[in-house]
Amino acid sequence: MATERLVVVGGDAAGMSAASQARRLKGPEELEIVAFERGHFTSYSACGIPYWVGGRVAERDDLIARTPEEHRARGIDLRTRTEVVELDLPGSRVRARDLDSGSESWTGYDKLVLATGARPVRPRLPGIGAHGVHGIQTLDDGQRLMDSLERTPGRRAVVVGAGYIGVEMAEALVERGYEVTVLHRGAQPMATLDPDMGGLVHSAMNRMGIRTVSGAEVTKILTDEQGAARAVATAAGEEYEADVVVLGIGVEPRTALARDAGLPLGPSGGILTDLSMRVRGHEDVWSGGDCVEVLDLVAGRTRHIPLGTHANKHGQVIGSNVGGGYATFPGVVGTAVSKVCDLEIARTGLRERDALEAGLRFVTATITSTTTAGYYPGAAEMTVKMLAERRTGRLLGVQIVGGAGSAKRVDIAAVALTAGMTVDQIVALDLGYAPPFSPVWDPILVAARKAVSAVRSAGV
C-alpha cells in the first residue's frame, strides 16, 4: 500500500488536533503528515493570553498543551517558522517559505488541511504600525506585547475596541498596574450583547477604574520622535496618552491563501465547508478553526465564530475523516463567556439585531436576580435577558451579566437552544438547587417564566 501524505497548514488548535487525530488512526507507514506553522509555538491556548499578561498565569509555556518537539516525537513532520504562501490545487502542492532563511520549496499532498486561523483587525490609520501598538491573536503576539510592556516606561494603556479581546486585555492591563482607557465606536461595550446589556458592562468597567469612552472613532496613533506610540487621537479631537496601545477591535478569518486559490468563502470571508469539514467542492481539502464559517443552528445560516472550543472540535472531525473514520460538525449556537475583573459576561444564540436580520418575530424578557439564595453570604447580582420566538415560544437567545457564578449558567441555555426547546419547556427543567448555588427559582427559570408571559401576551 502506497503511503499518502497529509499536509496541514497551521499549527494551533484545529491544525494540530487534525494531525494528531489522523496519526492516532493511521501510522507513519500509511500516512505521512507534514505540518507548517508560521510562528514559534504550537497547540497553545490563545484564550489564556490575557491571563498570562495580567499575571494570573505565571509562565508563557503554561499555555502550551503540546510543543513542536512533542508533535515530532509522535511522527508529525512539523516545520515552525515556515509560512505557506501559495496553494496549487490542480497540482496538489503547497509553496512554503522559511521565514528565517527566506528559502522556498514546494511540497506535494494527497490530502490538505487549512487551519490558517484569524488575524486581529488592524484599521488603516496613520501610526497603526508604530512600536507599542499590538494586536493579540497568537502566542507570538502575546510575547511581543509582554516584551513591549517590560521595556516601555510609563503605566498608561489605551485599548481600542471593547469586544471580548478588548475587555479581557483591559482587565489584564489593570492587573499589571496600568491606567487603562478603552475607546470604542459603539454606544456600549461588548457588541456581542444587546446595548441594554452592554450598558451594564460599561457601568461595571467604570466602577473598576477602567475609563470607557463610547462613540469614539479612532483616527490616528500619535508617535514620538523614536516612532513609538504616545497617544491615540479620535474624530472628536480628543487625545488619549498611551505608553502601549492594544487593538481589541476583533479578528477576521485569515483566508488570503484560500481566496487566491479560488476556494469558496462565506459572507464573513471564512472558508465554507460541509458537515465533515471538507471544503465545499474539493474532495481532498478540509478546513477548520478560526478561518472557517460554521452553521448557526438558531439562525440557519453560516457565521464566523472564532473560538478555541470550535477549533479543537473541527480538528477532531477532520482528523477522523482524513484518518479513515467518519465524523461531522453539525454547527453551533454561538455560546461565549468572558469576564472583566469581577464581572462575568455570557451569551448564546441570537441578539435582537440577529433575530431581526433573520426575519424572526420575537419577544424579550429581562430579569435581575442573584447567583445564590439572597440570604447566603456572597450572593451576587445577575441580570438575564432572554429572546423567544413570538408565535412558538422557541428559545432564540440568552445574555447574562453578573457577579461570580453567573456566566456558566449560559450552558443551560446553550443546551436548550441546541435541542430547540421552548421557554415553556425551560421553565419545567429540573435544575439543581441549594442555597449556596442558586435561589429556589434559578435566574434562568425566572427569565423563562417572564418570557412565557411575554409570548402569551404577544399572541400571534
Protein backbone atom coordinates (compact mmCIF):
# COMPACT_ATOMS: atom_id res chain seq x y z
CA MET A 1 0.00 0.00 0.00
CA ALA A 2 1.39 3.41 -1.02
CA THR A 3 1.91 5.94 1.75
CA GLU A 4 -0.33 9.01 1.49
CA ARG A 5 0.78 12.48 2.54
CA LEU A 6 -1.33 14.84 4.61
CA VAL A 7 -0.25 18.49 4.61
CA VAL A 8 -1.54 20.71 7.41
CA VAL A 9 -1.32 24.50 7.15
CA GLY A 10 -1.47 25.97 10.66
CA GLY A 11 -0.09 24.53 13.88
CA ASP A 12 -2.54 25.54 16.57
CA ALA A 13 -5.84 24.08 17.78
CA ALA A 14 -7.58 22.91 14.61
CA GLY A 15 -4.48 22.02 12.60
CA MET A 16 -2.64 20.02 15.21
CA SER A 17 -5.82 18.39 16.55
CA ALA A 18 -6.45 17.18 13.00
CA ALA A 19 -2.87 15.97 12.60
CA SER A 20 -2.85 14.22 15.98
CA GLN A 21 -6.20 12.51 15.44
CA ALA A 22 -5.16 11.35 11.96
CA ARG A 23 -1.94 9.97 13.42
CA ARG A 24 -3.89 8.01 16.06
CA LEU A 25 -5.86 6.33 13.28
CA LYS A 26 -3.04 5.78 10.81
CA GLY A 27 0.62 5.07 11.42
CA PRO A 28 3.57 6.60 9.52
CA GLU A 29 3.68 3.67 7.11
CA GLU A 30 0.16 4.57 5.91
CA LEU A 31 0.07 8.35 6.32
CA GLU A 32 2.94 10.84 6.25
CA ILE A 33 1.99 14.10 7.99
CA VAL A 34 3.71 17.41 7.25
CA ALA A 35 2.56 20.49 9.16
CA PHE A 36 3.57 24.13 8.59
CA GLU A 37 3.36 26.81 11.29
CA ARG A 38 4.45 30.40 10.71
CA GLY A 39 5.05 31.10 14.41
CA HIS A 40 7.29 29.62 17.08
CA PHE A 41 4.58 27.82 19.05
CA THR A 42 2.02 25.06 18.53
CA SER A 43 -1.07 23.74 20.31
CA TYR A 44 -1.45 26.60 22.78
CA SER A 45 -4.35 28.38 24.46
CA ALA A 46 -4.73 31.77 22.80
CA CYS A 47 -7.67 32.38 25.14
CA GLY A 48 -5.24 32.30 28.05
CA ILE A 49 -3.02 35.12 26.76
CA PRO A 50 -4.81 37.92 28.70
CA TYR A 51 -4.41 35.94 31.93
CA TRP A 52 -0.70 35.48 31.30
CA VAL A 53 -0.36 39.21 30.54
CA GLY A 54 -2.28 40.04 33.71
CA GLY A 55 -0.13 37.74 35.83
CA ARG A 56 -2.74 35.12 36.75
CA VAL A 57 -0.88 32.57 34.63
CA ALA A 58 2.74 32.58 35.77
CA GLU A 59 4.58 31.39 32.67
CA ARG A 60 4.01 31.63 28.92
CA ASP A 61 4.71 27.94 28.48
CA ASP A 62 1.88 27.08 30.88
CA LEU A 63 -0.41 27.90 27.94
CA ILE A 64 1.21 25.33 25.65
CA ALA A 65 -0.55 21.96 25.53
CA ARG A 66 1.96 20.28 23.19
CA THR A 67 5.30 21.60 21.95
CA PRO A 68 6.67 21.18 18.42
CA GLU A 69 9.12 18.60 19.78
CA GLU A 70 6.29 16.57 21.27
CA HIS A 71 4.41 16.57 17.96
CA ARG A 72 7.56 15.48 16.12
CA ALA A 73 8.06 12.65 18.60
CA ARG A 74 4.61 11.40 17.60
CA GLY A 75 5.55 11.11 13.96
CA ILE A 76 4.46 14.51 12.63
CA ASP A 77 6.93 16.43 10.46
CA LEU A 78 6.23 19.84 12.00
CA ARG A 79 8.01 22.83 10.47
CA THR A 80 7.80 26.00 12.55
CA ARG A 81 8.68 29.49 11.33
CA THR A 82 7.53 28.30 7.90
CA GLU A 83 4.68 30.05 6.12
CA VAL A 84 2.68 28.57 3.27
CA VAL A 85 2.43 31.34 0.68
CA GLU A 86 0.66 29.60 -2.21
CA LEU A 87 -1.75 26.74 -2.85
CA ASP A 88 -1.57 24.91 -6.16
CA LEU A 89 -4.80 22.92 -6.00
CA PRO A 90 -4.63 21.46 -9.54
CA GLY A 91 -1.07 20.29 -8.83
CA SER A 92 -1.88 19.11 -5.26
CA ARG A 93 1.04 21.01 -3.74
CA VAL A 94 1.82 23.99 -1.49
CA ARG A 95 4.66 26.50 -1.64
CA ALA A 96 6.22 27.29 1.72
CA ARG A 97 8.74 29.93 2.79
CA ASP A 98 11.22 29.57 5.64
CA LEU A 99 10.77 32.87 7.48
CA ASP A 100 14.32 32.83 8.85
CA SER A 101 16.27 31.99 5.69
CA GLY A 102 13.79 33.16 3.05
CA SER A 103 14.17 29.93 1.08
CA GLU A 104 11.10 28.46 -0.59
CA SER A 105 10.08 24.96 -1.64
CA TRP A 106 7.07 23.03 -2.92
CA THR A 107 5.51 20.12 -1.01
CA GLY A 108 3.01 17.78 -2.62
CA TYR A 109 -0.01 16.33 -0.83
CA ASP A 110 -2.74 13.75 -1.18
CA LYS A 111 -4.88 15.44 1.45
CA LEU A 112 -4.75 19.07 2.63
CA VAL A 113 -5.96 20.72 5.83
CA LEU A 114 -6.22 24.51 6.01
CA ALA A 115 -6.17 25.80 9.58
CA THR A 116 -4.79 29.29 8.99
CA GLY A 117 -6.72 30.87 11.86
CA ALA A 118 -7.71 34.52 12.19
CA ARG A 119 -5.85 37.81 12.47
CA PRO A 120 -6.53 40.93 14.54
CA VAL A 121 -8.36 43.67 12.65
CA ARG A 122 -5.89 46.50 12.03
CA PRO A 123 -7.65 49.54 10.54
CA ARG A 124 -5.72 51.61 8.02
CA LEU A 125 -4.81 54.52 10.28
CA PRO A 126 -1.74 56.75 10.48
CA GLY A 127 0.64 55.29 13.06
CA ILE A 128 -1.05 51.87 13.25
CA GLY A 129 2.30 50.19 12.63
CA ALA A 130 4.15 52.12 15.32
CA HIS A 131 6.16 50.47 18.08
CA GLY A 132 3.94 49.80 21.06
CA VAL A 133 0.79 49.03 19.01
CA HIS A 134 -0.25 45.41 19.44
CA GLY A 135 -2.92 43.10 18.08
CA ILE A 136 -3.38 39.93 20.13
CA GLN A 137 -4.27 36.66 18.44
CA THR A 138 -1.30 34.29 18.63
CA LEU A 139 1.17 33.39 21.35
CA ASP A 140 3.84 35.19 19.33
CA ASP A 141 1.62 38.31 19.52
CA GLY A 142 1.38 37.86 23.29
CA GLN A 143 5.14 37.53 23.61
CA ARG A 144 5.68 40.74 21.62
CA LEU A 145 3.26 42.58 23.92
CA MET A 146 4.98 41.26 27.03
CA ASP A 147 8.36 42.31 25.67
CA SER A 148 6.93 45.77 24.97
CA LEU A 149 5.44 46.09 28.47
CA GLU A 150 8.74 45.13 30.08
CA ARG A 151 10.87 47.62 28.13
CA THR A 152 8.43 50.55 27.88
CA PRO A 153 8.46 53.10 30.70
CA GLY A 154 5.13 54.52 31.88
CA ARG A 155 1.88 52.94 33.01
CA ARG A 156 -0.77 54.25 30.59
CA ALA A 157 -2.57 51.93 28.20
CA VAL A 158 -5.24 52.54 25.59
CA VAL A 159 -7.32 49.61 24.34
CA VAL A 160 -9.03 50.24 21.00
CA GLY A 161 -12.23 48.22 20.84
CA ALA A 162 -14.43 46.71 23.53
CA GLY A 163 -15.23 43.21 22.36
CA TYR A 164 -14.04 40.07 24.15
CA ILE A 165 -10.38 40.71 23.42
CA GLY A 166 -10.68 44.38 24.35
CA VAL A 167 -12.31 43.89 27.75
CA GLU A 168 -10.07 40.94 28.66
CA MET A 169 -6.94 42.89 27.77
CA ALA A 170 -8.25 45.91 29.70
CA GLU A 171 -8.55 43.71 32.78
CA ALA A 172 -5.08 42.26 32.22
CA LEU A 173 -3.51 45.70 31.99
CA VAL A 174 -5.34 46.92 35.09
CA GLU A 175 -3.95 43.92 36.96
CA ARG A 176 -0.46 44.92 35.80
CA GLY A 177 -0.98 48.33 37.35
CA TYR A 178 -1.75 50.31 34.21
CA GLU A 179 -4.13 53.22 33.93
CA VAL A 180 -6.46 51.92 31.21
CA THR A 181 -8.71 53.73 28.74
CA VAL A 182 -10.96 51.76 26.41
CA LEU A 183 -12.08 53.51 23.23
CA HIS A 184 -14.86 52.02 21.13
CA ARG A 185 -17.18 53.20 18.38
CA GLY A 186 -20.41 51.69 19.66
CA ALA A 187 -22.95 53.06 22.09
CA GLN A 188 -21.90 50.41 24.62
CA PRO A 189 -19.02 47.95 25.00
CA MET A 190 -19.45 44.26 24.12
CA ALA A 191 -21.24 44.47 20.78
CA THR A 192 -21.83 40.73 21.13
CA LEU A 193 -24.54 41.75 23.60
CA ASP A 194 -27.59 43.93 23.07
CA PRO A 195 -26.95 47.58 24.04
CA ASP A 196 -29.00 47.36 27.25
CA MET A 197 -26.83 44.50 28.49
CA GLY A 198 -23.68 46.19 27.21
CA GLY A 199 -24.64 49.18 29.35
CA LEU A 200 -24.28 47.00 32.45
CA VAL A 201 -20.76 46.09 31.34
CA HIS A 202 -19.95 49.78 30.72
CA SER A 203 -21.06 50.79 34.23
CA ALA A 204 -19.12 47.97 35.85
CA MET A 205 -15.93 48.76 33.93
CA ASN A 206 -16.11 52.39 35.02
CA ARG A 207 -16.61 51.30 38.65
CA MET A 208 -13.50 49.16 38.33
CA GLY A 209 -11.43 52.17 37.31
CA ILE A 210 -11.36 51.41 33.59
CA ARG A 211 -12.15 54.58 31.67
CA THR A 212 -14.57 53.56 28.91
CA VAL A 213 -15.31 56.05 26.13
CA SER A 214 -18.26 55.22 23.87
CA GLY A 215 -18.80 56.63 20.38
CA ALA A 216 -15.05 57.16 19.99
CA GLU A 217 -13.83 56.85 16.42
CA VAL A 218 -10.06 56.46 16.41
CA THR A 219 -8.39 58.44 13.62
CA LYS A 220 -4.66 58.25 14.35
CA ILE A 221 -1.95 56.78 16.55
CA LEU A 222 0.34 59.64 17.52
CA THR A 223 4.04 58.80 17.81
CA ASP A 224 7.11 60.28 19.46
CA GLU A 225 10.46 61.10 17.88
CA GLN A 226 11.55 57.45 18.10
CA GLY A 227 8.44 56.25 16.24
CA ALA A 228 6.77 54.75 19.30
CA ALA A 229 3.09 55.24 20.15
CA ARG A 230 2.47 58.09 22.59
CA ALA A 231 -1.28 58.79 22.24
CA VAL A 232 -4.47 57.82 20.41
CA ALA A 233 -6.48 60.54 18.63
CA THR A 234 -10.22 60.42 17.92
CA ALA A 235 -12.54 62.16 15.47
CA ALA A 236 -13.86 64.30 18.32
CA GLY A 237 -10.44 65.94 18.61
CA GLU A 238 -9.52 64.17 21.85
CA GLU A 239 -6.10 62.66 22.51
CA TYR A 240 -5.57 59.84 24.99
CA GLU A 241 -2.00 59.39 26.17
CA ALA A 242 -0.64 55.88 25.89
CA ASP A 243 2.62 54.09 26.58
CA VAL A 244 1.12 50.99 24.96
CA VAL A 245 -1.85 50.51 22.60
CA VAL A 246 -3.73 47.22 22.31
CA LEU A 247 -6.10 46.56 19.41
CA GLY A 248 -9.23 44.80 20.60
CA ILE A 249 -11.39 45.55 17.58
CA GLY A 250 -11.90 41.90 16.77
CA VAL A 251 -10.49 39.38 14.33
CA GLU A 252 -11.14 38.35 10.75
CA PRO A 253 -10.53 34.97 9.10
CA ARG A 254 -7.04 34.61 7.64
CA THR A 255 -8.13 33.33 4.23
CA ALA A 256 -5.96 35.08 1.64
CA LEU A 257 -4.45 31.73 0.62
CA ALA A 258 -7.88 30.19 0.17
CA ARG A 259 -9.22 33.21 -1.71
CA ASP A 260 -6.26 33.30 -4.09
CA ALA A 261 -6.72 29.58 -4.76
CA GLY A 262 -10.41 30.05 -5.58
CA LEU A 263 -11.84 28.23 -2.58
CA PRO A 264 -15.42 29.17 -1.58
CA LEU A 265 -15.77 31.89 1.06
CA GLY A 266 -18.85 32.96 3.01
CA PRO A 267 -20.30 36.41 3.80
CA SER A 268 -17.76 36.96 6.62
CA GLY A 269 -14.84 35.88 4.46
CA GLY A 270 -14.47 32.48 6.12
CA ILE A 271 -13.94 29.24 4.20
CA LEU A 272 -17.13 27.25 3.57
CA THR A 273 -17.18 23.55 4.39
CA ASP A 274 -19.68 20.71 4.57
CA LEU A 275 -20.58 18.91 7.81
CA SER A 276 -17.43 16.76 7.57
CA MET A 277 -15.36 19.99 7.45
CA ARG A 278 -14.40 19.23 3.84
CA VAL A 279 -14.13 22.40 1.78
CA ARG A 280 -17.15 22.60 -0.47
CA GLY A 281 -16.43 21.29 -3.94
CA HIS A 282 -12.95 19.96 -3.07
CA GLU A 283 -12.69 16.26 -2.30
CA ASP A 284 -9.21 16.27 -0.74
CA VAL A 285 -9.22 19.63 1.09
CA TRP A 286 -10.51 20.19 4.63
CA SER A 287 -10.58 23.31 6.76
CA GLY A 288 -11.30 24.19 10.39
CA GLY A 289 -10.71 26.67 13.18
CA ASP A 290 -10.89 30.44 13.06
CA CYS A 291 -10.60 30.56 9.25
CA VAL A 292 -13.97 28.91 8.56
CA GLU A 293 -17.62 29.84 8.78
CA VAL A 294 -19.92 27.42 10.58
CA LEU A 295 -23.66 26.83 10.59
CA ASP A 296 -25.62 28.82 13.15
CA LEU A 297 -28.23 26.32 14.29
CA VAL A 298 -30.59 29.05 15.52
CA ALA A 299 -30.46 31.48 12.58
CA GLY A 300 -29.91 28.77 9.96
CA ARG A 301 -27.00 30.48 8.18
CA THR A 302 -23.23 30.45 8.30
CA ARG A 303 -21.30 32.73 10.66
CA HIS A 304 -17.67 33.35 11.59
CA ILE A 305 -17.33 32.47 15.27
CA PRO A 306 -13.63 32.21 16.22
CA LEU A 307 -13.42 30.16 19.40
CA GLY A 308 -10.91 27.59 20.58
CA THR A 309 -13.68 25.17 21.58
CA HIS A 310 -14.89 25.01 18.00
CA ALA A 311 -11.38 24.80 16.56
CA ASN A 312 -10.47 21.74 18.63
CA LYS A 313 -13.71 20.01 17.64
CA HIS A 314 -13.13 20.87 13.97
CA GLY A 315 -9.68 19.31 14.20
CA GLN A 316 -11.02 16.12 15.75
CA VAL A 317 -13.63 15.82 12.99
CA ILE A 318 -11.11 16.48 10.23
CA GLY A 319 -8.54 14.08 11.66
CA SER A 320 -11.15 11.34 11.97
CA ASN A 321 -12.22 11.75 8.35
CA VAL A 322 -8.68 12.04 6.99
CA GLY A 323 -7.66 9.00 9.04
CA GLY A 324 -10.34 6.81 7.52
CA GLY A 325 -13.10 7.24 10.12
CA TYR A 326 -16.25 9.32 9.98
CA ALA A 327 -17.31 12.37 11.96
CA THR A 328 -19.32 15.56 11.45
CA PHE A 329 -19.57 19.01 12.99
CA PRO A 330 -23.28 19.91 12.94
CA GLY A 331 -22.99 23.60 13.87
CA VAL A 332 -23.08 25.97 16.82
CA VAL A 333 -25.45 28.18 18.76
CA GLY A 334 -22.89 30.93 19.41
CA THR A 335 -22.05 30.41 23.07
CA ALA A 336 -19.31 32.55 24.59
CA VAL A 337 -18.27 33.66 28.08
CA SER A 338 -15.86 36.30 29.29
CA LYS A 339 -15.05 38.41 32.31
CA VAL A 340 -13.70 41.81 33.19
CA CYS A 341 -12.39 41.93 36.75
CA ASP A 342 -15.25 40.56 38.90
CA LEU A 343 -17.93 40.89 36.23
CA GLU A 344 -18.93 37.77 34.27
CA ILE A 345 -20.39 38.09 30.78
CA ALA A 346 -22.10 35.38 28.72
CA ARG A 347 -24.24 34.99 25.64
CA THR A 348 -25.64 32.27 23.42
CA GLY A 349 -27.96 32.27 20.44
CA LEU A 350 -29.24 35.46 18.83
CA ARG A 351 -29.18 39.10 19.87
CA GLU A 352 -32.11 41.32 18.95
CA ARG A 353 -30.44 42.54 15.76
CA ASP A 354 -29.53 38.96 14.79
CA ALA A 355 -33.17 37.92 15.13
CA LEU A 356 -34.32 40.91 13.08
CA GLU A 357 -31.78 40.14 10.34
CA ALA A 358 -33.03 36.54 10.28
CA GLY A 359 -36.60 37.76 9.80
CA LEU A 360 -37.80 36.39 13.14
CA ARG A 361 -40.59 37.89 15.24
CA PHE A 362 -39.65 37.75 18.90
CA VAL A 363 -40.27 38.92 22.43
CA THR A 364 -37.74 39.70 25.13
CA ALA A 365 -37.68 39.24 28.88
CA THR A 366 -35.09 40.71 31.25
CA ILE A 367 -34.84 39.89 34.96
CA THR A 368 -32.45 40.65 37.79
CA SER A 369 -31.79 38.01 40.43
CA THR A 370 -28.91 36.66 42.49
CA THR A 371 -26.34 33.94 41.89
CA THR A 372 -27.20 32.16 45.16
CA ALA A 373 -30.02 32.41 47.65
CA GLY A 374 -30.25 36.10 48.53
CA TYR A 375 -29.53 35.46 52.20
CA TYR A 376 -26.48 33.30 51.51
CA PRO A 377 -23.12 35.06 52.10
CA GLY A 378 -21.54 36.23 48.86
CA ALA A 379 -24.73 36.39 46.82
CA ALA A 380 -24.05 38.49 43.71
CA GLU A 381 -26.49 40.24 41.43
CA MET A 382 -27.01 38.89 37.93
CA THR A 383 -29.14 40.06 35.00
CA VAL A 384 -30.55 37.65 32.43
CA LYS A 385 -32.06 38.65 29.10
CA MET A 386 -33.96 36.07 27.07
CA LEU A 387 -35.28 36.18 23.50
CA ALA A 388 -38.10 33.86 22.39
CA GLU A 389 -39.89 33.44 19.08
CA ARG A 390 -43.17 35.30 19.27
CA ARG A 391 -45.58 32.66 17.99
CA THR A 392 -43.95 29.41 19.07
CA GLY A 393 -42.08 30.38 22.22
CA ARG A 394 -38.92 28.75 20.84
CA LEU A 395 -35.84 30.00 22.69
CA LEU A 396 -33.71 32.25 20.45
CA GLY A 397 -31.02 33.61 22.72
CA VAL A 398 -29.82 34.40 26.24
CA GLN A 399 -27.44 37.04 27.58
CA ILE A 400 -26.11 37.17 31.15
CA VAL A 401 -24.16 39.84 33.02
CA GLY A 402 -23.40 39.44 36.71
CA GLY A 403 -21.10 38.52 39.54
CA ALA A 404 -19.25 35.30 40.28
CA GLY A 405 -21.37 32.28 39.42
CA SER A 406 -23.32 33.96 36.60
CA ALA A 407 -21.62 33.11 33.32
CA LYS A 408 -21.69 29.32 33.22
CA ARG A 409 -25.47 29.33 33.60
CA VAL A 410 -25.46 30.16 29.91
CA ASP A 411 -24.71 26.47 29.31
CA ILE A 412 -28.30 25.63 30.30
CA ALA A 413 -29.49 27.94 27.54
CA ALA A 414 -26.96 26.53 25.07
CA VAL A 415 -28.32 23.02 25.58
CA ALA A 416 -31.89 24.30 25.30
CA LEU A 417 -31.07 26.10 22.03
CA THR A 418 -29.39 23.03 20.59
CA ALA A 419 -32.44 20.94 21.49
CA GLY A 420 -34.84 23.52 20.03
CA MET A 421 -36.67 23.91 23.33
CA THR A 422 -39.40 26.44 24.04
CA VAL A 423 -39.40 28.75 27.04
CA ASP A 424 -42.32 26.72 28.50
CA GLN A 425 -40.11 23.63 28.41
CA ILE A 426 -37.24 25.51 30.04
CA VAL A 427 -39.49 26.53 32.96
CA ALA A 428 -40.15 22.82 33.56
CA LEU A 429 -36.44 21.88 33.71
CA ASP A 430 -35.40 20.12 36.91
CA LEU A 431 -32.33 22.19 37.79
CA GLY A 432 -30.26 21.64 40.91
CA TYR A 433 -30.98 23.81 43.94
CA ALA A 434 -29.28 24.54 47.24
CA PRO A 435 -28.79 27.98 48.81
CA PRO A 436 -25.02 28.12 48.07
CA PHE A 437 -25.70 27.58 44.35
CA SER A 438 -28.94 29.37 43.40
CA PRO A 439 -32.22 30.80 44.60
CA VAL A 440 -35.16 28.38 44.72
CA TRP A 441 -36.03 29.62 41.24
CA ASP A 442 -32.81 29.75 39.25
CA PRO A 443 -32.42 33.04 37.32
CA ILE A 444 -32.65 31.12 34.02
CA LEU A 445 -36.03 29.74 35.08
CA VAL A 446 -37.23 33.17 36.24
CA ALA A 447 -36.31 34.67 32.87
CA ALA A 448 -38.06 31.80 31.09
CA ARG A 449 -41.24 32.37 33.14
CA LYS A 450 -41.23 36.02 32.16
CA ALA A 451 -40.61 35.07 28.52
CA VAL A 452 -43.60 32.69 28.63
CA SER A 453 -45.79 35.57 29.78
CA ALA A 454 -44.42 37.81 27.02
CA VAL A 455 -45.14 35.17 24.37
CA ARG A 456 -48.70 34.71 25.60
CA SER A 457 -49.32 38.46 25.79
CA ALA A 458 -47.99 38.98 22.27
CA GLY A 459 -50.26 36.37 20.72
CA VAL A 460 -49.66 35.59 17.06
